[in-house]
Amino acid sequence: MSLSCSTLALEQPVRGLVVRPRPGGGGPDQTLVFLRRGEVHELLPGGTGGGYEIGPHLASVGGDSDMRLPAYDPDSQAVFYSVSGTAIGKLDASNRVSAGSEYFARLLAPGGGFAESGAAEVSLPDADSAAFAHLLSYMYCTSLGAPPQILALSPDLLRVTTLLAGRLLMGGAVAALMDRLAATVRPASVLSDLAWADAHGMTDLAERLRAHAVLNRKSLDPNGLEQLAEECPRQAAELLKSLAGRS
């Protein structure tokens, strides 16, 4: 079975690495493992198109997504590092997330402060763990050369994930999430979506939302227009100008 983004979807916010000695020395090798239905599997090179295949069952874990995955190698040369909630083990961060996040790339670069601090993990304590799980899946796809894509998200989580992607300087993910926001907008929510986009400086998304509002002008809530005028007078003025031009 070849690795795809759907395979990498974080059903629980936990991922780990197994660290093994490289043949002939040279430091530890790092291999991605993932959790599927409570079982830990290793991803092995050799999938179709130079991708990865799902390896054999290595260990089992309980339902607690914050537990540390146990070492499975009989000679104790393999150690799992858990990735739980919104904390990533140092090895995972340095080899996976840097590929998809400019924030982590800068932080983990020589002189970026992480190595010098001696910390065991990078933590984002105020980040939403569900949003981070989706972005971590996106970063893994990027690092493995699989086509990254944003999985289905609820409207509220879509907003939260978009903001976190911007904070982590994930340009590709931000663009994909904005496309999803624009594609899932509804006439009943477009004005509140427009106010939200304006509040967070998302000018491109705001422009697309205004266009949607104009196309669905007969379904707009007059009370929503008044609220938009109070919260975002510039956006309201732009929208009214466009509406007047279509009348």
C-alpha atoms as a PDB file:
ATOM      1  CA  MET A   1       0.000   0.000   0.000  1.00  0.00           C
ATOM      2  CA  SER A   2       1.535   3.296  -1.072  1.00  0.00           C
ATOM      3  CA  LEU A   3       1.643   6.278   1.222  1.00  0.00           C
ATOM      4  CA  SER A   4      -0.796   9.054   0.484  1.00  0.00           C
ATOM      5  CA  CYS A   5      -1.992  12.093   2.373  1.00  0.00           C
ATOM      6  CA  SER A   6      -5.121  10.279   3.461  1.00  0.00           C
ATOM      7  CA  THR A   7      -2.916   7.577   4.984  1.00  0.00           C
ATOM      8  CA  LEU A   8      -1.093  10.271   6.922  1.00  0.00           C
ATOM      9  CA  ALA A   9      -4.268  11.832   8.277  1.00  0.00           C
ATOM     10  CA  LEU A  10      -3.957  12.344  12.012  1.00  0.00           C
ATOM     11  CA  GLU A  11      -6.869  10.408  13.451  1.00  0.00           C
ATOM     12  CA  GLN A  12      -5.262  11.146  16.808  1.00  0.00           C
ATOM     13  CA  PRO A  13      -2.728  13.910  17.403  1.00  0.00           C
ATOM     14  CA  VAL A  14       0.206  11.552  17.879  1.00  0.00           C
ATOM     15  CA  ARG A  15       3.152  10.629  15.672  1.00  0.00           C
ATOM     16  CA  GLY A  16       6.593   9.370  16.482  1.00  0.00           C
ATOM     17  CA  LEU A  17      10.026   8.518  15.220  1.00  0.00           C
ATOM     18  CA  VAL A  18      12.105   5.420  15.650  1.00  0.00           C
ATOM     19  CA  VAL A  19      15.820   6.113  15.968  1.00  0.00           C
ATOM     20  CA  ARG A  20      18.246   3.446  14.772  1.00  0.00           C
ATOM     21  CA  PRO A  21      22.021   3.422  14.354  1.00  0.00           C
ATOM     22  CA  ARG A  22      23.071   3.896  10.737  1.00  0.00           C
ATOM     23  CA  PRO A  23      24.918   0.913   9.241  1.00  0.00           C
ATOM     24  CA  GLY A  24      28.613   1.595   9.690  1.00  0.00           C
ATOM     25  CA  GLY A  25      28.015   4.443  12.105  1.00  0.00           C
ATOM     26  CA  GLY A  26      27.458   8.050  11.175  1.00  0.00           C
ATOM     27  CA  GLY A  27      24.745   8.861  13.660  1.00  0.00           C
ATOM     28  CA  PRO A  28      21.134   7.742  14.043  1.00  0.00           C
ATOM     29  CA  ASP A  29      18.791   7.163  11.145  1.00  0.00           C
ATOM     30  CA  GLN A  30      15.245   8.426  11.536  1.00  0.00           C
ATOM     31  CA  THR A  31      12.203   6.614  10.249  1.00  0.00           C
ATOM     32  CA  LEU A  32       8.642   7.853  10.251  1.00  0.00           C
ATOM     33  CA  VAL A  33       6.068   5.741  12.049  1.00  0.00           C
ATOM     34  CA  PHE A  34       2.366   6.381  12.341  1.00  0.00           C
ATOM     35  CA  LEU A  35      -0.620   5.251  14.379  1.00  0.00           C
ATOM     36  CA  ARG A  36      -3.473   3.405  12.692  1.00  0.00           C
ATOM     37  CA  ARG A  37      -6.345   1.963  14.711  1.00  0.00           C
ATOM     38  CA  GLY A  38      -4.200   1.782  17.811  1.00  0.00           C
ATOM     39  CA  GLU A  39      -1.301   0.051  16.062  1.00  0.00           C
ATOM     40  CA  VAL A  40       2.099   1.569  15.368  1.00  0.00           C
ATOM     41  CA  HIS A  41       3.448   0.940  11.858  1.00  0.00           C
ATOM     42  CA  GLU A  42       6.679   2.002  10.205  1.00  0.00           C
ATOM     43  CA  LEU A  43       6.693   3.641   6.769  1.00  0.00           C
ATOM     44  CA  LEU A  44       9.161   1.843   4.534  1.00  0.00           C
ATOM     45  CA  PRO A  45      10.673   3.191   1.292  1.00  0.00           C
ATOM     46  CA  GLY A  46       9.571   1.368  -1.821  1.00  0.00           C
ATOM     47  CA  GLY A  47       6.056   2.494  -2.581  1.00  0.00           C
ATOM     48  CA  THR A  48       4.778   3.156  -6.064  1.00  0.00           C
ATOM     49  CA  GLY A  49       6.469   6.120  -7.698  1.00  0.00           C
ATOM     50  CA  GLY A  50       9.260   6.241  -5.138  1.00  0.00           C
ATOM     51  CA  GLY A  51       6.841   6.648  -2.242  1.00  0.00           C
ATOM     52  CA  TYR A  52       6.467   4.654   0.959  1.00  0.00           C
ATOM     53  CA  GLU A  53       4.758   1.444   2.013  1.00  0.00           C
ATOM     54  CA  ILE A  54       3.154   0.604   5.321  1.00  0.00           C
ATOM     55  CA  GLY A  55       5.422  -1.712   7.268  1.00  0.00           C
ATOM     56  CA  PRO A  56       4.436  -4.444   9.730  1.00  0.00           C
ATOM     57  CA  HIS A  57       2.762  -3.867  13.056  1.00  0.00           C
ATOM     58  CA  LEU A  58       5.419  -2.780  15.545  1.00  0.00           C
ATOM     59  CA  ALA A  59       3.553  -2.063  18.754  1.00  0.00           C
ATOM     60  CA  SER A  60       0.126  -1.306  20.146  1.00  0.00           C
ATOM     61  CA  VAL A  61      -0.986   1.747  22.086  1.00  0.00           C
ATOM     62  CA  GLY A  62      -4.060   2.562  24.097  1.00  0.00           C
ATOM     63  CA  GLY A  63      -6.598   5.286  23.513  1.00  0.00           C
ATOM     64  CA  ASP A  64      -4.601   7.952  25.357  1.00  0.00           C
ATOM     65  CA  SER A  65      -3.129  10.088  22.585  1.00  0.00           C
ATOM     66  CA  ASP A  66      -0.700  11.715  25.030  1.00  0.00           C
ATOM     67  CA  MET A  67       1.080   8.510  26.009  1.00  0.00           C
ATOM     68  CA  ARG A  68       4.673   7.926  25.021  1.00  0.00           C
ATOM     69  CA  LEU A  69       5.031   5.174  22.451  1.00  0.00           C
ATOM     70  CA  PRO A  70       7.089   2.240  23.779  1.00  0.00           C
ATOM     71  CA  ALA A  71      10.360   1.099  22.300  1.00  0.00           C
ATOM     72  CA  TYR A  72       9.857  -2.116  20.344  1.00  0.00           C
ATOM     73  CA  ASP A  73      13.374  -3.127  19.333  1.00  0.00           C
ATOM     74  CA  PRO A  74      14.469  -6.120  21.456  1.00  0.00           C
ATOM     75  CA  ASP A  75      18.014  -4.792  21.777  1.00  0.00           C
ATOM     76  CA  SER A  76      16.697  -1.395  22.947  1.00  0.00           C
ATOM     77  CA  GLN A  77      18.470   0.419  20.113  1.00  0.00           C
ATOM     78  CA  ALA A  78      15.190   1.834  18.851  1.00  0.00           C
ATOM     79  CA  VAL A  79      13.377   4.526  20.793  1.00  0.00           C
ATOM     80  CA  PHE A  80      10.080   6.149  19.982  1.00  0.00           C
ATOM     81  CA  TYR A  81       9.569   9.843  20.540  1.00  0.00           C
ATOM     82  CA  SER A  82       5.935  10.809  20.932  1.00  0.00           C
ATOM     83  CA  VAL A  83       4.279  13.686  19.161  1.00  0.00           C
ATOM     84  CA  SER A  84       1.223  14.507  21.218  1.00  0.00           C
ATOM     85  CA  GLY A  85      -1.117  17.432  21.330  1.00  0.00           C
ATOM     86  CA  THR A  86       0.870  20.355  19.985  1.00  0.00           C
ATOM     87  CA  ALA A  87       4.367  19.281  20.993  1.00  0.00           C
ATOM     88  CA  ILE A  88       6.843  17.697  18.589  1.00  0.00           C
ATOM     89  CA  GLY A  89       9.926  15.758  19.607  1.00  0.00           C
ATOM     90  CA  LYS A  90      13.172  17.517  18.651  1.00  0.00           C
ATOM     91  CA  LEU A  91      14.204  14.896  16.069  1.00  0.00           C
ATOM     92  CA  ASP A  92      10.800  14.986  14.428  1.00  0.00           C
ATOM     93  CA  ALA A  93      10.829  18.758  14.270  1.00  0.00           C
ATOM     94  CA  SER A  94      14.289  18.965  12.775  1.00  0.00           C
ATOM     95  CA  ASN A  95      13.592  16.458  10.014  1.00  0.00           C
ATOM     96  CA  ARG A  96       9.926  16.753   9.102  1.00  0.00           C
ATOM     97  CA  VAL A  97       8.243  20.012   9.989  1.00  0.00           C
ATOM     98  CA  SER A  98      11.012  22.242   8.662  1.00  0.00           C
ATOM     99  CA  ALA A  99      10.068  21.127   5.151  1.00  0.00           C
ATOM    100  CA  GLY A 100       6.573  22.545   5.454  1.00  0.00           C
ATOM    101  CA  SER A 101       6.894  25.434   7.894  1.00  0.00           C
ATOM    102  CA  GLU A 102       9.184  28.425   7.521  1.00  0.00           C
ATOM    103  CA  TYR A 103       8.620  29.126  11.224  1.00  0.00           C
ATOM    104  CA  PHE A 104      10.140  25.781  12.219  1.00  0.00           C
ATOM    105  CA  ALA A 105      12.807  26.012   9.527  1.00  0.00           C
ATOM    106  CA  ARG A 106      14.038  29.290  11.025  1.00  0.00           C
ATOM    107  CA  LEU A 107      13.708  28.094  14.613  1.00  0.00           C
ATOM    108  CA  LEU A 108      15.591  24.859  14.005  1.00  0.00           C
ATOM    109  CA  ALA A 109      18.302  26.301  11.767  1.00  0.00           C
ATOM    110  CA  PRO A 110      21.779  26.743  13.283  1.00  0.00           C
ATOM    111  CA  GLY A 111      21.602  29.847  15.414  1.00  0.00           C
ATOM    112  CA  GLY A 112      17.813  29.723  15.472  1.00  0.00           C
ATOM    113  CA  GLY A 113      17.757  29.257  19.226  1.00  0.00           C
ATOM    114  CA  PHE A 114      16.252  25.800  19.594  1.00  0.00           C
ATOM    115  CA  ALA A 115      19.430  23.722  19.710  1.00  0.00           C
ATOM    116  CA  GLU A 116      21.119  26.261  21.951  1.00  0.00           C
ATOM    117  CA  SER A 117      18.252  26.162  24.440  1.00  0.00           C
ATOM    118  CA  GLY A 118      18.720  22.466  25.165  1.00  0.00           C
ATOM    119  CA  ALA A 119      14.956  21.929  25.080  1.00  0.00           C
ATOM    120  CA  ALA A 120      13.624  18.450  24.335  1.00  0.00           C
ATOM    121  CA  GLU A 121      10.719  19.628  22.214  1.00  0.00           C
ATOM    122  CA  VAL A 122       9.143  22.530  20.417  1.00  0.00           C
ATOM    123  CA  SER A 123       5.853  23.402  22.082  1.00  0.00           C
ATOM    124  CA  LEU A 124       2.939  25.574  20.991  1.00  0.00           C
ATOM    125  CA  PRO A 125       0.887  25.557  24.191  1.00  0.00           C
ATOM    126  CA  ASP A 126      -1.743  28.024  22.997  1.00  0.00           C
ATOM    127  CA  ALA A 127      -2.303  26.354  19.622  1.00  0.00           C
ATOM    128  CA  ASP A 128      -5.379  24.265  18.878  1.00  0.00           C
ATOM    129  CA  SER A 129      -4.277  20.617  18.880  1.00  0.00           C
ATOM    130  CA  ALA A 130      -6.833  19.536  16.254  1.00  0.00           C
ATOM    131  CA  ALA A 131      -5.723  22.299  13.893  1.00  0.00           C
ATOM    132  CA  PHE A 132      -2.092  21.440  14.523  1.00  0.00           C
ATOM    133  CA  ALA A 133      -2.782  17.775  13.761  1.00  0.00           C
ATOM    134  CA  HIS A 134      -4.034  18.663  10.284  1.00  0.00           C
ATOM    135  CA  LEU A 135      -1.059  20.922   9.646  1.00  0.00           C
ATOM    136  CA  LEU A 136       1.360  18.274  10.882  1.00  0.00           C
ATOM    137  CA  SER A 137      -0.135  15.843   8.368  1.00  0.00           C
ATOM    138  CA  TYR A 138       0.387  18.500   5.681  1.00  0.00           C
ATOM    139  CA  MET A 139       4.030  18.937   6.736  1.00  0.00           C
ATOM    140  CA  TYR A 140       4.660  15.199   6.660  1.00  0.00           C
ATOM    141  CA  CYS A 141       3.266  14.983   3.137  1.00  0.00           C
ATOM    142  CA  THR A 142       5.539  17.831   2.081  1.00  0.00           C
ATOM    143  CA  SER A 143       8.635  16.232   3.591  1.00  0.00           C
ATOM    144  CA  LEU A 144       7.899  12.845   2.017  1.00  0.00           C
ATOM    145  CA  GLY A 145       7.158  14.201  -1.433  1.00  0.00           C
ATOM    146  CA  ALA A 146       3.491  13.179  -1.319  1.00  0.00           C
ATOM    147  CA  PRO A 147       0.966  15.661  -2.747  1.00  0.00           C
ATOM    148  CA  PRO A 148      -0.128  17.700   0.287  1.00  0.00           C
ATOM    149  CA  GLN A 149      -3.792  18.418   0.680  1.00  0.00           C
ATOM    150  CA  ILE A 150      -6.081  19.777   3.343  1.00  0.00           C
ATOM    151  CA  LEU A 151      -8.492  17.222   4.723  1.00  0.00           C
ATOM    152  CA  ALA A 152     -12.151  17.943   5.508  1.00  0.00           C
ATOM    153  CA  LEU A 153     -12.532  20.444   8.345  1.00  0.00           C
ATOM    154  CA  SER A 154     -15.521  21.952  10.086  1.00  0.00           C
ATOM    155  CA  PRO A 155     -16.048  25.684   9.382  1.00  0.00           C
ATOM    156  CA  ASP A 156     -14.821  26.710  12.839  1.00  0.00           C
ATOM    157  CA  LEU A 157     -11.763  24.459  12.677  1.00  0.00           C
ATOM    158  CA  LEU A 158     -11.063  25.683   9.155  1.00  0.00           C
ATOM    159  CA  ARG A 159     -10.694  29.236  10.459  1.00  0.00           C
ATOM    160  CA  VAL A 160      -8.518  28.179  13.396  1.00  0.00           C
ATOM    161  CA  THR A 161      -6.303  26.054  11.161  1.00  0.00           C
ATOM    162  CA  THR A 162      -5.869  28.886   8.677  1.00  0.00           C
ATOM    163  CA  LEU A 163      -4.711  31.243  11.424  1.00  0.00           C
ATOM    164  CA  LEU A 164      -2.283  28.671  12.827  1.00  0.00           C
ATOM    165  CA  ALA A 165      -0.886  27.979   9.350  1.00  0.00           C
ATOM    166  CA  GLY A 166      -0.215  31.687   8.960  1.00  0.00           C
ATOM    167  CA  ARG A 167       1.493  31.815  12.331  1.00  0.00           C
ATOM    168  CA  LEU A 168       3.720  28.878  11.349  1.00  0.00           C
ATOM    169  CA  LEU A 169       4.537  30.555   8.017  1.00  0.00           C
ATOM    170  CA  MET A 170       3.095  27.700   5.964  1.00  0.00           C
ATOM    171  CA  GLY A 171       2.415  29.543   2.729  1.00  0.00           C
ATOM    172  CA  GLY A 172       1.194  26.521   0.786  1.00  0.00           C
ATOM    173  CA  ALA A 173      -1.176  25.442   3.528  1.00  0.00           C
ATOM    174  CA  VAL A 174      -2.522  28.984   3.959  1.00  0.00           C
ATOM    175  CA  ALA A 175      -3.294  29.197   0.239  1.00  0.00           C
ATOM    176  CA  ALA A 176      -5.019  25.799   0.270  1.00  0.00           C
ATOM    177  CA  LEU A 177      -7.026  26.686   3.366  1.00  0.00           C
ATOM    178  CA  MET A 178      -8.113  30.006   1.885  1.00  0.00           C
ATOM    179  CA  ASP A 179      -9.260  28.159  -1.220  1.00  0.00           C
ATOM    180  CA  ARG A 180     -11.291  25.864   1.025  1.00  0.00           C
ATOM    181  CA  LEU A 181     -12.758  28.815   2.926  1.00  0.00           C
ATOM    182  CA  ALA A 182     -13.779  30.496  -0.304  1.00  0.00           C
ATOM    183  CA  ALA A 183     -15.237  27.278  -1.707  1.00  0.00           C
ATOM    184  CA  THR A 184     -17.324  26.463   1.368  1.00  0.00           C
ATOM    185  CA  VAL A 185     -18.747  29.934   2.007  1.00  0.00           C
ATOM    186  CA  ARG A 186     -22.529  30.239   2.108  1.00  0.00           C
ATOM    187  CA  PRO A 187     -24.749  33.320   1.633  1.00  0.00           C
ATOM    188  CA  ALA A 188     -25.857  33.081   5.259  1.00  0.00           C
ATOM    189  CA  SER A 189     -22.275  33.277   6.544  1.00  0.00           C
ATOM    190  CA  VAL A 190     -20.456  35.275   3.886  1.00  0.00           C
ATOM    191  CA  LEU A 191     -20.706  38.603   5.713  1.00  0.00           C
ATOM    192  CA  SER A 192     -19.359  37.216   8.981  1.00  0.00           C
ATOM    193  CA  ASP A 193     -16.655  35.429   6.996  1.00  0.00           C
ATOM    194  CA  LEU A 194     -15.801  38.722   5.333  1.00  0.00           C
ATOM    195  CA  ALA A 195     -15.521  40.471   8.695  1.00  0.00           C
ATOM    196  CA  TRP A 196     -13.284  37.680   9.989  1.00  0.00           C
ATOM    197  CA  ALA A 197     -11.026  37.799   6.925  1.00  0.00           C
ATOM    198  CA  ASP A 198     -10.710  41.569   7.235  1.00  0.00           C
ATOM    199  CA  ALA A 199      -9.892  41.348  10.944  1.00  0.00           C
ATOM    200  CA  HIS A 200      -6.985  39.016  10.160  1.00  0.00           C
ATOM    201  CA  GLY A 201      -5.623  40.920   7.187  1.00  0.00           C
ATOM    202  CA  MET A 202      -6.599  38.338   4.567  1.00  0.00           C
ATOM    203  CA  THR A 203      -7.151  40.767   1.725  1.00  0.00           C
ATOM    204  CA  ASP A 204      -7.193  38.198  -1.086  1.00  0.00           C
ATOM    205  CA  LEU A 205      -9.779  36.087   0.709  1.00  0.00           C
ATOM    206  CA  ALA A 206     -11.839  39.184   1.524  1.00  0.00           C
ATOM    207  CA  GLU A 207     -11.944  40.089  -2.161  1.00  0.00           C
ATOM    208  CA  ARG A 208     -13.217  36.636  -3.059  1.00  0.00           C
ATOM    209  CA  LEU A 209     -15.823  36.770  -0.318  1.00  0.00           C
ATOM    210  CA  ARG A 210     -17.067  40.149  -1.522  1.00  0.00           C
ATOM    211  CA  ALA A 211     -17.468  38.691  -5.003  1.00  0.00           C
ATOM    212  CA  HIS A 212     -19.479  35.829  -3.536  1.00  0.00           C
ATOM    213  CA  ALA A 213     -21.662  38.275  -1.626  1.00  0.00           C
ATOM    214  CA  VAL A 214     -22.357  40.256  -4.792  1.00  0.00           C
ATOM    215  CA  LEU A 215     -23.356  37.120  -6.698  1.00  0.00           C
ATOM    216  CA  ASN A 216     -25.700  36.148  -3.874  1.00  0.00           C
ATOM    217  CA  ARG A 217     -26.862  39.663  -3.012  1.00  0.00           C
ATOM    218  CA  LYS A 218     -30.554  38.682  -2.843  1.00  0.00           C
ATOM    219  CA  SER A 219     -29.784  36.251  -0.025  1.00  0.00           C
ATOM    220  CA  LEU A 220     -27.768  38.639   2.134  1.00  0.00           C
ATOM    221  CA  ASP A 221     -29.035  39.450   5.600  1.00  0.00           C
ATOM    222  CA  PRO A 222     -29.697  43.222   5.985  1.00  0.00           C
ATOM    223  CA  ASN A 223     -28.782  42.972   9.667  1.00  0.00           C
ATOM    224  CA  GLY A 224     -25.517  41.384   8.636  1.00  0.00           C
ATOM    225  CA  LEU A 225     -24.799  44.337   6.372  1.00  0.00           C
ATOM    226  CA  GLU A 226     -25.355  46.737   9.257  1.00  0.00           C
ATOM    227  CA  GLN A 227     -23.044  44.718  11.497  1.00  0.00           C
ATOM    228  CA  LEU A 228     -20.389  44.610   8.779  1.00  0.00           C
ATOM    229  CA  ALA A 229     -20.608  48.396   8.439  1.00  0.00           C
ATOM    230  CA  GLU A 230     -19.995  48.749  12.185  1.00  0.00           C
ATOM    231  CA  GLU A 231     -17.133  46.255  12.385  1.00  0.00           C
ATOM    232  CA  CYS A 232     -15.456  46.758   9.010  1.00  0.00           C
ATOM    233  CA  PRO A 233     -16.532  50.047   7.438  1.00  0.00           C
ATOM    234  CA  ARG A 234     -13.982  49.788   4.624  1.00  0.00           C
ATOM    235  CA  GLN A 235     -15.139  46.324   3.600  1.00  0.00           C
ATOM    236  CA  ALA A 236     -18.761  47.411   3.855  1.00  0.00           C
ATOM    237  CA  ALA A 237     -18.071  50.417   1.635  1.00  0.00           C
ATOM    238  CA  GLU A 238     -16.330  48.227  -0.964  1.00  0.00           C
ATOM    239  CA  LEU A 239     -19.216  45.773  -0.891  1.00  0.00           C
ATOM    240  CA  LEU A 240     -21.878  48.471  -1.226  1.00  0.00           C
ATOM    241  CA  LYS A 241     -19.968  49.977  -4.148  1.00  0.00           C
ATOM    242  CA  SER A 242     -19.922  46.592  -5.882  1.00  0.00           C
ATOM    243  CA  LEU A 243     -23.596  46.007  -5.116  1.00  0.00           C
ATOM    244  CA  ALA A 244     -24.509  49.407  -6.536  1.00  0.00           C
ATOM    245  CA  GLY A 245     -22.611  48.593  -9.703  1.00  0.00           C
ATOM    246  CA  ARG A 246     -24.644  45.412 -10.203  1.00  0.00           C
ATOM    247  CA  SER A 247     -28.052  46.932  -9.497  1.00  0.00           C
END
